Amino acid sequence: MKASKIISEIEEIVVSQTGGVYSKWRIGIANDADDSENEHGNPDSWHDWDTDTPEDAEKVEAYFVDKGMRSEGPGFGDPDFVYIFYSGSPQETF
């Protein structure tokens, strides 16, 4: 999926679920979205996208980090997935 489409979808999620408060969300990039989801305890608010290129994944992550999302740190290899999950306190189910 193209970076611009992923950005639009994430914007919609953050605005609809937390009123546009980006700091309540975490964003990361990974080679394997399922492994990353398991590592984070399978949060109910998990969303992930398969990007067209690793560069698109990095572009999406950088865009939202600039808006205040908390980054999970760099991915390994050539990560081609972007994921987000709610990390406000307490954890909420959406």
Protein backbone atom coordinates (compact mmCIF):
# COMPACT_ATOMS: atom_id res chain seq x y z
CA MET A 1 0.00 0.00 0.00
CA LYS A 2 1.26 3.48 -0.78
CA ALA A 3 2.44 5.72 2.06
CA SER A 4 -0.19 8.38 1.32
CA LYS A 5 -3.05 5.87 1.70
CA ILE A 6 -1.64 4.52 4.97
CA ILE A 7 -1.21 8.05 6.32
CA SER A 8 -4.87 8.82 5.51
CA GLU A 9 -6.08 5.65 7.22
CA ILE A 10 -3.98 6.27 10.34
CA GLU A 11 -5.18 9.89 10.52
CA GLU A 12 -8.78 8.66 10.44
CA ILE A 13 -8.15 6.13 13.23
CA VAL A 14 -6.38 8.60 15.52
CA VAL A 15 -8.96 11.34 15.02
CA SER A 16 -11.97 9.05 15.44
CA GLN A 17 -10.63 7.15 18.45
CA THR A 18 -8.66 9.72 20.43
CA GLY A 19 -9.68 13.08 18.99
CA GLY A 20 -6.37 13.50 17.19
CA VAL A 21 -4.13 13.01 20.23
CA TYR A 22 -1.12 11.41 18.57
CA SER A 23 0.92 11.10 21.75
CA LYS A 24 -1.43 8.35 22.98
CA TRP A 25 -0.31 6.09 20.13
CA ARG A 26 2.84 4.14 19.31
CA ILE A 27 4.08 3.57 15.79
CA GLY A 28 6.66 1.14 14.50
CA ILE A 29 7.96 -0.56 11.41
CA ALA A 30 8.72 -4.25 11.12
CA ASN A 31 9.50 -7.14 8.80
CA ASP A 32 6.73 -9.22 10.36
CA ALA A 33 3.62 -7.53 11.72
CA ASP A 34 2.35 -10.66 13.48
CA ASP A 35 5.59 -11.11 15.43
CA SER A 36 5.54 -7.46 16.43
CA GLU A 37 1.92 -7.69 17.57
CA ASN A 38 2.76 -10.71 19.73
CA GLU A 39 5.80 -8.94 21.21
CA HIS A 40 3.53 -6.07 22.29
CA GLY A 41 1.00 -8.35 23.97
CA ASN A 42 -1.62 -8.41 21.18
CA PRO A 43 -3.21 -5.03 21.97
CA ASP A 44 -6.89 -4.71 21.04
CA SER A 45 -6.13 -1.43 19.29
CA TRP A 46 -3.49 -2.93 16.95
CA HIS A 47 -3.52 -1.91 13.27
CA ASP A 48 -0.93 -2.76 10.63
CA TRP A 49 -0.33 -2.14 6.94
CA ASP A 50 1.89 -3.78 4.34
CA THR A 51 3.78 -0.99 2.56
CA ASP A 52 4.93 -1.01 -1.05
CA THR A 53 8.57 -0.43 -0.01
CA PRO A 54 10.66 -0.13 3.16
CA GLU A 55 11.07 3.55 2.27
CA ASP A 56 7.28 3.98 2.43
CA ALA A 57 7.28 2.40 5.91
CA GLU A 58 9.97 4.83 7.06
CA LYS A 59 8.12 7.77 5.50
CA VAL A 60 4.87 6.92 7.32
CA GLU A 61 6.67 6.43 10.63
CA ALA A 62 8.57 9.73 10.33
CA TYR A 63 5.35 11.59 9.44
CA PHE A 64 3.58 10.46 12.60
CA VAL A 65 6.58 10.80 14.90
CA ASP A 66 6.67 14.46 13.79
CA LYS A 67 3.00 14.70 14.83
CA GLY A 68 3.76 13.35 18.30
CA MET A 69 3.35 9.56 18.08
CA ARG A 70 5.86 7.60 20.09
CA SER A 71 8.20 5.52 17.98
CA GLU A 72 9.01 1.91 18.74
CA GLY A 73 12.51 2.49 17.37
CA PRO A 74 14.10 1.38 14.13
CA GLY A 75 13.04 -1.81 12.42
CA PHE A 76 15.52 -4.49 11.42
CA GLY A 77 16.51 -5.30 7.86
CA ASP A 78 14.07 -3.92 5.31
CA PRO A 79 10.85 -3.46 7.28
CA ASP A 80 7.83 -3.28 5.01
CA PHE A 81 5.06 -3.13 7.60
CA VAL A 82 3.85 -0.13 9.60
CA TYR A 83 1.90 -0.69 12.79
CA ILE A 84 0.20 1.46 15.39
CA PHE A 85 -1.44 0.75 18.70
CA TYR A 86 -3.00 2.77 21.48
CA SER A 87 -0.67 3.20 24.41
CA GLY A 88 -2.49 5.73 26.55
CA SER A 89 -3.11 4.84 30.15
CA PRO A 90 -5.11 2.83 30.90
CA GLN A 91 -5.23 0.57 27.82
CA GLU A 92 -8.60 0.90 26.16
CA THR A 93 -10.47 -1.42 23.86
CA PHE A 94 -11.77 0.05 20.64
